[in-house]
């Protein structure tokens, strides 16, 4: 029996906020603990995660010269410390 993997991989992300209040991811930690530095944020927009489902802020990022999408899924809770979660679509 094969185990079906979740198409969303939730990842830990280190992010900064610029002077305009824009959240910019700087590093992500994959599910196996490997850390990847984000070389550059190329684009930020509202978009659907076509493979994994759901919608959020889609960050087009460059990691080790390769373009990838990183999504921020906002929390519906308007108060508290949990703003949302980051995920990547499993390939």
PDB file of N, CA and C in Angstrom:
ATOM      1  N   UNK A   1       0.852  -1.174   0.000  1.00  0.00           N
ATOM      2  CA  UNK A   1       0.000   0.000   0.000  1.00  0.00           C
ATOM      3  C   UNK A   1       0.901   1.242   0.000  1.00  0.00           C
ATOM      4  N   UNK A   2       0.694   2.171  -0.924  1.00  0.00           N
ATOM      5  CA  UNK A   2       1.528   3.369  -0.979  1.00  0.00           C
ATOM      6  C   UNK A   2       0.867   4.491  -0.187  1.00  0.00           C
ATOM      7  N   UNK A   3       1.717   5.260   0.475  1.00  0.00           N
ATOM      8  CA  UNK A   3       1.244   6.389   1.276  1.00  0.00           C
ATOM      9  C   UNK A   3       1.106   7.605   0.367  1.00  0.00           C
ATOM     10  N   UNK A   4      -0.059   8.240   0.391  1.00  0.00           N
ATOM     11  CA  UNK A   4      -0.276   9.431  -0.426  1.00  0.00           C
ATOM     12  C   UNK A   4       0.281  10.641   0.312  1.00  0.00           C
ATOM     13  N   UNK A   5       1.192  11.359  -0.347  1.00  0.00           N
ATOM     14  CA  UNK A   5       1.819  12.525   0.269  1.00  0.00           C
ATOM     15  C   UNK A   5       0.957  13.761   0.074  1.00  0.00           C
ATOM     16  N   UNK A   6       0.930  14.597   1.090  1.00  0.00           N
ATOM     17  CA  UNK A   6       0.215  15.861   1.023  1.00  0.00           C
ATOM     18  C   UNK A   6       0.884  16.743  -0.025  1.00  0.00           C
ATOM     19  N   UNK A   7       0.116  17.339  -0.956  1.00  0.00           N
ATOM     20  CA  UNK A   7       0.731  18.192  -1.978  1.00  0.00           C
ATOM     21  C   UNK A   7       1.296  19.492  -1.406  1.00  0.00           C
ATOM     22  N   UNK A   8       0.885  19.862  -0.193  1.00  0.00           N
ATOM     23  CA  UNK A   8       1.429  21.049   0.460  1.00  0.00           C
ATOM     24  C   UNK A   8       2.519  20.611   1.421  1.00  0.00           C
ATOM     25  N   UNK A   9       3.689  21.202   1.278  1.00  0.00           N
ATOM     26  CA  UNK A   9       4.770  20.961   2.220  1.00  0.00           C
ATOM     27  C   UNK A   9       4.910  22.241   3.040  1.00  0.00           C
ATOM     28  N   UNK A  10       4.484  22.182   4.302  1.00  0.00           N
ATOM     29  CA  UNK A  10       4.629  23.347   5.169  1.00  0.00           C
ATOM     30  C   UNK A  10       6.080  23.448   5.600  1.00  0.00           C
ATOM     31  N   UNK A  11       6.633  24.643   5.492  1.00  0.00           N
ATOM     32  CA  UNK A  11       8.050  24.862   5.769  1.00  0.00           C
ATOM     33  C   UNK A  11       8.229  26.010   6.751  1.00  0.00           C
ATOM     34  N   UNK A  12       9.338  25.949   7.478  1.00  0.00           N
ATOM     35  CA  UNK A  12       9.720  27.064   8.343  1.00  0.00           C
ATOM     36  C   UNK A  12      10.431  28.093   7.475  1.00  0.00           C
ATOM     37  N   UNK A  13      10.113  29.364   7.692  1.00  0.00           N
ATOM     38  CA  UNK A  13      10.704  30.440   6.886  1.00  0.00           C
ATOM     39  C   UNK A  13      11.196  31.543   7.802  1.00  0.00           C
ATOM     40  N   UNK A  14      12.394  32.024   7.521  1.00  0.00           N
ATOM     41  CA  UNK A  14      12.892  33.236   8.172  1.00  0.00           C
ATOM     42  C   UNK A  14      12.592  34.372   7.216  1.00  0.00           C
ATOM     43  N   UNK A  15      11.947  35.422   7.726  1.00  0.00           N
ATOM     44  CA  UNK A  15      11.537  36.535   6.875  1.00  0.00           C
ATOM     45  C   UNK A  15      11.877  37.862   7.534  1.00  0.00           C
ATOM     46  N   UNK A  16      12.029  38.870   6.708  1.00  0.00           N
ATOM     47  CA  UNK A  16      12.234  40.247   7.151  1.00  0.00           C
ATOM     48  C   UNK A  16      11.041  41.069   6.702  1.00  0.00           C
ATOM     49  N   UNK A  17      10.880  42.226   7.320  1.00  0.00           N
ATOM     50  CA  UNK A  17       9.899  43.205   6.880  1.00  0.00           C
ATOM     51  C   UNK A  17      10.668  44.446   6.453  1.00  0.00           C
ATOM     52  N   UNK A  18      10.376  44.953   5.250  1.00  0.00           N
ATOM     53  CA  UNK A  18      11.062  46.173   4.832  1.00  0.00           C
ATOM     54  C   UNK A  18      10.372  47.390   5.444  1.00  0.00           C
ATOM     55  N   UNK A  19      10.871  48.580   5.124  1.00  0.00           N
ATOM     56  CA  UNK A  19      10.346  49.808   5.729  1.00  0.00           C
ATOM     57  C   UNK A  19       8.901  50.093   5.336  1.00  0.00           C
ATOM     58  N   UNK A  20       8.419  49.470   4.256  1.00  0.00           N
ATOM     59  CA  UNK A  20       7.021  49.635   3.837  1.00  0.00           C
ATOM     60  C   UNK A  20       6.106  48.587   4.461  1.00  0.00           C
ATOM     61  N   UNK A  21       6.675  47.689   5.280  1.00  0.00           N
ATOM     62  CA  UNK A  21       5.883  46.650   5.930  1.00  0.00           C
ATOM     63  C   UNK A  21       5.687  45.404   5.082  1.00  0.00           C
ATOM     64  N   UNK A  22       6.425  45.288   3.976  1.00  0.00           N
ATOM     65  CA  UNK A  22       6.304  44.120   3.105  1.00  0.00           C
ATOM     66  C   UNK A  22       7.151  42.985   3.664  1.00  0.00           C
ATOM     67  N   UNK A  23       6.524  41.817   3.798  1.00  0.00           N
ATOM     68  CA  UNK A  23       7.197  40.630   4.328  1.00  0.00           C
ATOM     69  C   UNK A  23       8.002  39.972   3.207  1.00  0.00           C
ATOM     70  N   UNK A  24       9.296  39.760   3.465  1.00  0.00           N
ATOM     71  CA  UNK A  24      10.188  39.180   2.465  1.00  0.00           C
ATOM     72  C   UNK A  24      10.881  37.947   3.033  1.00  0.00           C
ATOM     73  N   UNK A  25      10.601  36.761   2.470  1.00  0.00           N
ATOM     74  CA  UNK A  25      11.257  35.547   2.950  1.00  0.00           C
ATOM     75  C   UNK A  25      12.742  35.564   2.610  1.00  0.00           C
ATOM     76  N   UNK A  26      13.579  35.080   3.540  1.00  0.00           N
ATOM     77  CA  UNK A  26      15.034  35.070   3.345  1.00  0.00           C
ATOM     78  C   UNK A  26      15.627  33.670   3.342  1.00  0.00           C
ATOM     79  N   UNK A  27      14.975  32.738   4.046  1.00  0.00           N
ATOM     80  CA  UNK A  27      15.488  31.373   4.139  1.00  0.00           C
ATOM     81  C   UNK A  27      14.328  30.444   4.446  1.00  0.00           C
ATOM     82  N   UNK A  28      14.349  29.241   3.846  1.00  0.00           N
ATOM     83  CA  UNK A  28      13.336  28.251   4.198  1.00  0.00           C
ATOM     84  C   UNK A  28      14.013  26.965   4.624  1.00  0.00           C
ATOM     85  N   UNK A  29      13.337  26.235   5.496  1.00  0.00           N
ATOM     86  CA  UNK A  29      13.826  24.951   5.978  1.00  0.00           C
ATOM     87  C   UNK A  29      12.868  23.878   5.490  1.00  0.00           C
ATOM     88  N   UNK A  30      13.390  22.943   4.658  1.00  0.00           N
ATOM     89  CA  UNK A  30      12.597  21.867   4.078  1.00  0.00           C
ATOM     90  C   UNK A  30      12.240  20.848   5.141  1.00  0.00           C
ATOM     91  N   UNK A  31      11.312  19.942   4.855  1.00  0.00           N
ATOM     92  CA  UNK A  31      10.823  18.977   5.833  1.00  0.00           C
ATOM     93  C   UNK A  31      11.907  18.043   6.356  1.00  0.00           C
ATOM     94  N   UNK A  32      13.006  17.872   5.614  1.00  0.00           N
ATOM     95  CA  UNK A  32      14.109  17.021   6.094  1.00  0.00           C
ATOM     96  C   UNK A  32      15.140  17.803   6.894  1.00  0.00           C
ATOM     97  N   UNK A  33      14.897  19.104   7.107  1.00  0.00           N
ATOM     98  CA  UNK A  33      15.798  19.932   7.892  1.00  0.00           C
ATOM     99  C   UNK A  33      16.814  20.710   7.075  1.00  0.00           C
ATOM    100  N   UNK A  34      16.857  20.482   5.755  1.00  0.00           N
ATOM    101  CA  UNK A  34      17.791  21.207   4.894  1.00  0.00           C
ATOM    102  C   UNK A  34      17.347  22.662   4.777  1.00  0.00           C
ATOM    103  N   UNK A  35      18.306  23.565   4.948  1.00  0.00           N
ATOM    104  CA  UNK A  35      18.013  25.003   4.843  1.00  0.00           C
ATOM    105  C   UNK A  35      18.432  25.518   3.474  1.00  0.00           C
ATOM    106  N   UNK A  36      17.584  26.377   2.917  1.00  0.00           N
ATOM    107  CA  UNK A  36      17.851  26.981   1.613  1.00  0.00           C
ATOM    108  C   UNK A  36      17.754  28.491   1.739  1.00  0.00           C
ATOM    109  N   UNK A  37      18.828  29.182   1.376  1.00  0.00           N
ATOM    110  CA  UNK A  37      18.814  30.638   1.366  1.00  0.00           C
ATOM    111  C   UNK A  37      18.085  31.106   0.113  1.00  0.00           C
ATOM    112  N   UNK A  38      17.204  32.063   0.282  1.00  0.00           N
ATOM    113  CA  UNK A  38      16.474  32.639  -0.851  1.00  0.00           C
ATOM    114  C   UNK A  38      17.336  33.764  -1.404  1.00  0.00           C
ATOM    115  N   UNK A  39      17.808  33.566  -2.643  1.00  0.00           N
ATOM    116  CA  UNK A  39      18.705  34.531  -3.265  1.00  0.00           C
ATOM    117  C   UNK A  39      17.993  35.848  -3.565  1.00  0.00           C
ATOM    118  N   UNK A  40      16.736  35.719  -4.041  1.00  0.00           N
ATOM    119  CA  UNK A  40      16.016  36.920  -4.441  1.00  0.00           C
ATOM    120  C   UNK A  40      14.518  36.652  -4.507  1.00  0.00           C
ATOM    121  N   UNK A  41      13.724  37.645  -4.122  1.00  0.00           N
ATOM    122  CA  UNK A  41      12.271  37.606  -4.314  1.00  0.00           C
ATOM    123  C   UNK A  41      11.998  38.337  -5.628  1.00  0.00           C
ATOM    124  N   UNK A  42      11.431  37.617  -6.595  1.00  0.00           N
ATOM    125  CA  UNK A  42      11.203  38.179  -7.921  1.00  0.00           C
ATOM    126  C   UNK A  42       9.827  38.806  -8.078  1.00  0.00           C
ATOM    127  N   UNK A  43       8.822  38.278  -7.345  1.00  0.00           N
ATOM    128  CA  UNK A  43       7.455  38.761  -7.502  1.00  0.00           C
ATOM    129  C   UNK A  43       6.631  38.338  -6.297  1.00  0.00           C
ATOM    130  N   UNK A  44       5.642  39.151  -5.954  1.00  0.00           N
ATOM    131  CA  UNK A  44       4.685  38.828  -4.889  1.00  0.00           C
ATOM    132  C   UNK A  44       3.304  39.165  -5.425  1.00  0.00           C
ATOM    133  N   UNK A  45       2.378  38.178  -5.334  1.00  0.00           N
ATOM    134  CA  UNK A  45       1.005  38.435  -5.795  1.00  0.00           C
ATOM    135  C   UNK A  45       0.046  37.444  -5.147  1.00  0.00           C
ATOM    136  N   UNK A  46      -1.232  37.784  -5.141  1.00  0.00           N
ATOM    137  CA  UNK A  46      -2.282  36.864  -4.718  1.00  0.00           C
ATOM    138  C   UNK A  46      -2.441  35.831  -5.820  1.00  0.00           C
ATOM    139  N   UNK A  47      -2.403  34.555  -5.458  1.00  0.00           N
ATOM    140  CA  UNK A  47      -2.537  33.517  -6.482  1.00  0.00           C
ATOM    141  C   UNK A  47      -2.959  32.210  -5.842  1.00  0.00           C
ATOM    142  N   UNK A  48      -3.551  31.356  -6.657  1.00  0.00           N
ATOM    143  CA  UNK A  48      -3.944  30.023  -6.203  1.00  0.00           C
ATOM    144  C   UNK A  48      -2.769  29.072  -6.349  1.00  0.00           C
ATOM    145  N   UNK A  49      -2.705  28.112  -5.432  1.00  0.00           N
ATOM    146  CA  UNK A  49      -1.737  27.032  -5.537  1.00  0.00           C
ATOM    147  C   UNK A  49      -2.392  25.962  -6.389  1.00  0.00           C
ATOM    148  N   UNK A  50      -2.045  25.897  -7.647  1.00  0.00           N
ATOM    149  CA  UNK A  50      -2.743  25.040  -8.602  1.00  0.00           C
ATOM    150  C   UNK A  50      -2.611  23.548  -8.281  1.00  0.00           C
ATOM    151  N   UNK A  51      -1.460  23.096  -7.856  1.00  0.00           N
ATOM    152  CA  UNK A  51      -1.252  21.676  -7.562  1.00  0.00           C
ATOM    153  C   UNK A  51      -1.790  21.300  -6.188  1.00  0.00           C
ATOM    154  N   UNK A  52      -1.572  22.162  -5.208  1.00  0.00           N
ATOM    155  CA  UNK A  52      -1.893  21.824  -3.820  1.00  0.00           C
ATOM    156  C   UNK A  52      -3.261  22.314  -3.377  1.00  0.00           C
ATOM    157  N   UNK A  53      -3.837  23.250  -4.106  1.00  0.00           N
ATOM    158  CA  UNK A  53      -5.110  23.824  -3.701  1.00  0.00           C
ATOM    159  C   UNK A  53      -4.908  24.945  -2.699  1.00  0.00           C
ATOM    160  N   UNK A  54      -5.898  25.751  -2.554  1.00  0.00           N
ATOM    161  CA  UNK A  54      -5.806  26.878  -1.632  1.00  0.00           C
ATOM    162  C   UNK A  54      -5.304  28.122  -2.338  1.00  0.00           C
ATOM    163  N   UNK A  55      -5.301  29.200  -1.610  1.00  0.00           N
ATOM    164  CA  UNK A  55      -4.885  30.485  -2.161  1.00  0.00           C
ATOM    165  C   UNK A  55      -4.146  31.255  -1.099  1.00  0.00           C
ATOM    166  N   UNK A  56      -3.264  32.116  -1.549  1.00  0.00           N
ATOM    167  CA  UNK A  56      -2.522  32.941  -0.616  1.00  0.00           C
ATOM    168  C   UNK A  56      -1.624  33.900  -1.363  1.00  0.00           C
ATOM    169  N   UNK A  57      -0.634  34.406  -0.663  1.00  0.00           N
ATOM    170  CA  UNK A  57       0.355  35.269  -1.285  1.00  0.00           C
ATOM    171  C   UNK A  57       1.402  34.361  -1.914  1.00  0.00           C
ATOM    172  N   UNK A  58       1.562  34.467  -3.233  1.00  0.00           N
ATOM    173  CA  UNK A  58       2.553  33.638  -3.924  1.00  0.00           C
ATOM    174  C   UNK A  58       3.810  34.463  -4.145  1.00  0.00           C
ATOM    175  N   UNK A  59       4.890  33.990  -3.573  1.00  0.00           N
ATOM    176  CA  UNK A  59       6.192  34.617  -3.738  1.00  0.00           C
ATOM    177  C   UNK A  59       6.963  33.825  -4.785  1.00  0.00           C
ATOM    178  N   UNK A  60       7.358  34.491  -5.857  1.00  0.00           N
ATOM    179  CA  UNK A  60       8.237  33.868  -6.831  1.00  0.00           C
ATOM    180  C   UNK A  60       9.649  34.163  -6.345  1.00  0.00           C
ATOM    181  N   UNK A  61      10.393  33.106  -6.035  1.00  0.00           N
ATOM    182  CA  UNK A  61      11.723  33.273  -5.447  1.00  0.00           C
ATOM    183  C   UNK A  61      12.775  32.558  -6.286  1.00  0.00           C
ATOM    184  N   UNK A  62      14.013  32.970  -6.107  1.00  0.00           N
ATOM    185  CA  UNK A  62      15.135  32.287  -6.732  1.00  0.00           C
ATOM    186  C   UNK A  62      15.981  31.679  -5.619  1.00  0.00           C
ATOM    187  N   UNK A  63      16.188  30.364  -5.713  1.00  0.00           N
ATOM    188  CA  UNK A  63      17.004  29.621  -4.752  1.00  0.00           C
ATOM    189  C   UNK A  63      18.047  28.843  -5.544  1.00  0.00           C
ATOM    190  N   UNK A  64      19.306  29.126  -5.281  1.00  0.00           N
ATOM    191  CA  UNK A  64      20.418  28.475  -5.995  1.00  0.00           C
ATOM    192  C   UNK A  64      20.239  28.571  -7.512  1.00  0.00           C
ATOM    193  N   UNK A  65      19.803  29.729  -7.976  1.00  0.00           N
ATOM    194  CA  UNK A  65      19.653  29.981  -9.403  1.00  0.00           C
ATOM    195  C   UNK A  65      18.380  29.431 -10.035  1.00  0.00           C
ATOM    196  N   UNK A  66      17.554  28.740  -9.269  1.00  0.00           N
ATOM    197  CA  UNK A  66      16.311  28.168  -9.812  1.00  0.00           C
ATOM    198  C   UNK A  66      15.105  28.913  -9.273  1.00  0.00           C
ATOM    199  N   UNK A  67      14.141  29.153 -10.158  1.00  0.00           N
ATOM    200  CA  UNK A  67      12.907  29.848  -9.770  1.00  0.00           C
ATOM    201  C   UNK A  67      11.935  28.863  -9.153  1.00  0.00           C
ATOM    202  N   UNK A  68      11.267  29.291  -8.088  1.00  0.00           N
ATOM    203  CA  UNK A  68      10.298  28.454  -7.392  1.00  0.00           C
ATOM    204  C   UNK A  68       9.215  29.339  -6.802  1.00  0.00           C
ATOM    205  N   UNK A  69       8.096  28.713  -6.419  1.00  0.00           N
ATOM    206  CA  UNK A  69       7.014  29.436  -5.758  1.00  0.00           C
ATOM    207  C   UNK A  69       6.977  29.059  -4.283  1.00  0.00           C
ATOM    208  N   UNK A  70       6.793  30.066  -3.451  1.00  0.00           N
ATOM    209  CA  UNK A  70       6.631  29.903  -2.009  1.00  0.00           C
ATOM    210  C   UNK A  70       5.342  30.635  -1.661  1.00  0.00           C
ATOM    211  N   UNK A  71       4.430  29.939  -0.966  1.00  0.00           N
ATOM    212  CA  UNK A  71       3.124  30.521  -0.649  1.00  0.00           C
ATOM    213  C   UNK A  71       3.023  30.849   0.825  1.00  0.00           C
ATOM    214  N   UNK A  72       2.371  31.983   1.114  1.00  0.00           N
ATOM    215  CA  UNK A  72       2.033  32.340   2.486  1.00  0.00           C
ATOM    216  C   UNK A  72       0.517  32.266   2.601  1.00  0.00           C
ATOM    217  N   UNK A  73       0.054  31.338   3.425  1.00  0.00           N
ATOM    218  CA  UNK A  73      -1.368  31.079   3.651  1.00  0.00           C
ATOM    219  C   UNK A  73      -1.768  31.849   4.904  1.00  0.00           C
ATOM    220  N   UNK A  74      -2.520  32.906   4.738  1.00  0.00           N
ATOM    221  CA  UNK A  74      -2.880  33.772   5.870  1.00  0.00           C
ATOM    222  C   UNK A  74      -3.867  33.089   6.812  1.00  0.00           C
ATOM    223  N   UNK A  75      -3.682  33.324   8.089  1.00  0.00           N
ATOM    224  CA  UNK A  75      -4.589  32.804   9.103  1.00  0.00           C
ATOM    225  C   UNK A  75      -5.896  33.585   9.044  1.00  0.00           C
ATOM    226  N   UNK A  76      -7.004  32.914   9.318  1.00  0.00           N
ATOM    227  CA  UNK A  76      -8.292  33.603   9.362  1.00  0.00           C
ATOM    228  C   UNK A  76      -8.493  34.305  10.701  1.00  0.00           C
ATOM    229  N   UNK A  77      -7.680  33.955  11.688  1.00  0.00           N
ATOM    230  CA  UNK A  77      -7.743  34.575  13.004  1.00  0.00           C
ATOM    231  C   UNK A  77      -7.160  35.987  12.921  1.00  0.00           C
ATOM    232  N   UNK A  78      -7.932  36.978  13.263  1.00  0.00           N
ATOM    233  CA  UNK A  78      -7.501  38.365  13.143  1.00  0.00           C
ATOM    234  C   UNK A  78      -6.681  38.854  14.340  1.00  0.00           C
ATOM    235  N   UNK A  79      -6.639  38.062  15.404  1.00  0.00           N
ATOM    236  CA  UNK A  79      -5.860  38.457  16.574  1.00  0.00           C
ATOM    237  C   UNK A  79      -4.877  37.350  16.914  1.00  0.00           C
ATOM    238  N   UNK A  80      -3.945  37.662  17.777  1.00  0.00           N
ATOM    239  CA  UNK A  80      -2.970  36.659  18.191  1.00  0.00           C
ATOM    240  C   UNK A  80      -1.689  36.729  17.379  1.00  0.00           C
ATOM    241  N   UNK A  81      -0.806  35.786  17.656  1.00  0.00           N
ATOM    242  CA  UNK A  81       0.518  35.796  17.045  1.00  0.00           C
ATOM    243  C   UNK A  81       0.639  34.966  15.776  1.00  0.00           C
ATOM    244  N   UNK A  82      -0.343  34.136  15.480  1.00  0.00           N
ATOM    245  CA  UNK A  82      -0.245  33.298  14.288  1.00  0.00           C
ATOM    246  C   UNK A  82      -0.818  34.047  13.086  1.00  0.00           C
ATOM    247  N   UNK A  83       0.088  34.572  12.253  1.00  0.00           N
ATOM    248  CA  UNK A  83      -0.327  35.325  11.070  1.00  0.00           C
ATOM    249  C   UNK A  83      -0.689  34.412   9.910  1.00  0.00           C
ATOM    250  N   UNK A  84      -0.060  33.242   9.869  1.00  0.00           N
ATOM    251  CA  UNK A  84      -0.287  32.306   8.782  1.00  0.00           C
ATOM    252  C   UNK A  84       0.837  31.295   8.715  1.00  0.00           C
ATOM    253  N   UNK A  85       0.837  30.498   7.612  1.00  0.00           N
ATOM    254  CA  UNK A  85       1.871  29.476   7.432  1.00  0.00           C
ATOM    255  C   UNK A  85       2.413  29.529   6.012  1.00  0.00           C
ATOM    256  N   UNK A  86       3.670  29.142   5.873  1.00  0.00           N
ATOM    257  CA  UNK A  86       4.327  29.068   4.579  1.00  0.00           C
ATOM    258  C   UNK A  86       4.256  27.650   4.056  1.00  0.00           C
ATOM    259  N   UNK A  87       4.052  27.499   2.735  1.00  0.00           N
ATOM    260  CA  UNK A  87       4.140  26.170   2.134  1.00  0.00           C
ATOM    261  C   UNK A  87       4.667  26.241   0.715  1.00  0.00           C
ATOM    262  N   UNK A  88       5.146  25.085   0.257  1.00  0.00           N
ATOM    263  CA  UNK A  88       5.616  24.895  -1.102  1.00  0.00           C
ATOM    264  C   UNK A  88       4.807  23.749  -1.683  1.00  0.00           C
ATOM    265  N   UNK A  89       4.542  23.772  -2.972  1.00  0.00           N
ATOM    266  CA  UNK A  89       3.851  22.664  -3.621  1.00  0.00           C
ATOM    267  C   UNK A  89       4.846  21.528  -3.862  1.00  0.00           C
ATOM    268  N   UNK A  90       4.467  20.318  -3.459  1.00  0.00           N
ATOM    269  CA  UNK A  90       5.332  19.151  -3.680  1.00  0.00           C
ATOM    270  C   UNK A  90       5.406  18.877  -5.184  1.00  0.00           C
ATOM    271  N   UNK A  91       6.587  18.542  -5.647  1.00  0.00           N
ATOM    272  CA  UNK A  91       6.776  18.256  -7.085  1.00  0.00           C
ATOM    273  C   UNK A  91       6.435  16.850  -7.429  1.00  0.00           C
TER     274      UNK A  91
END
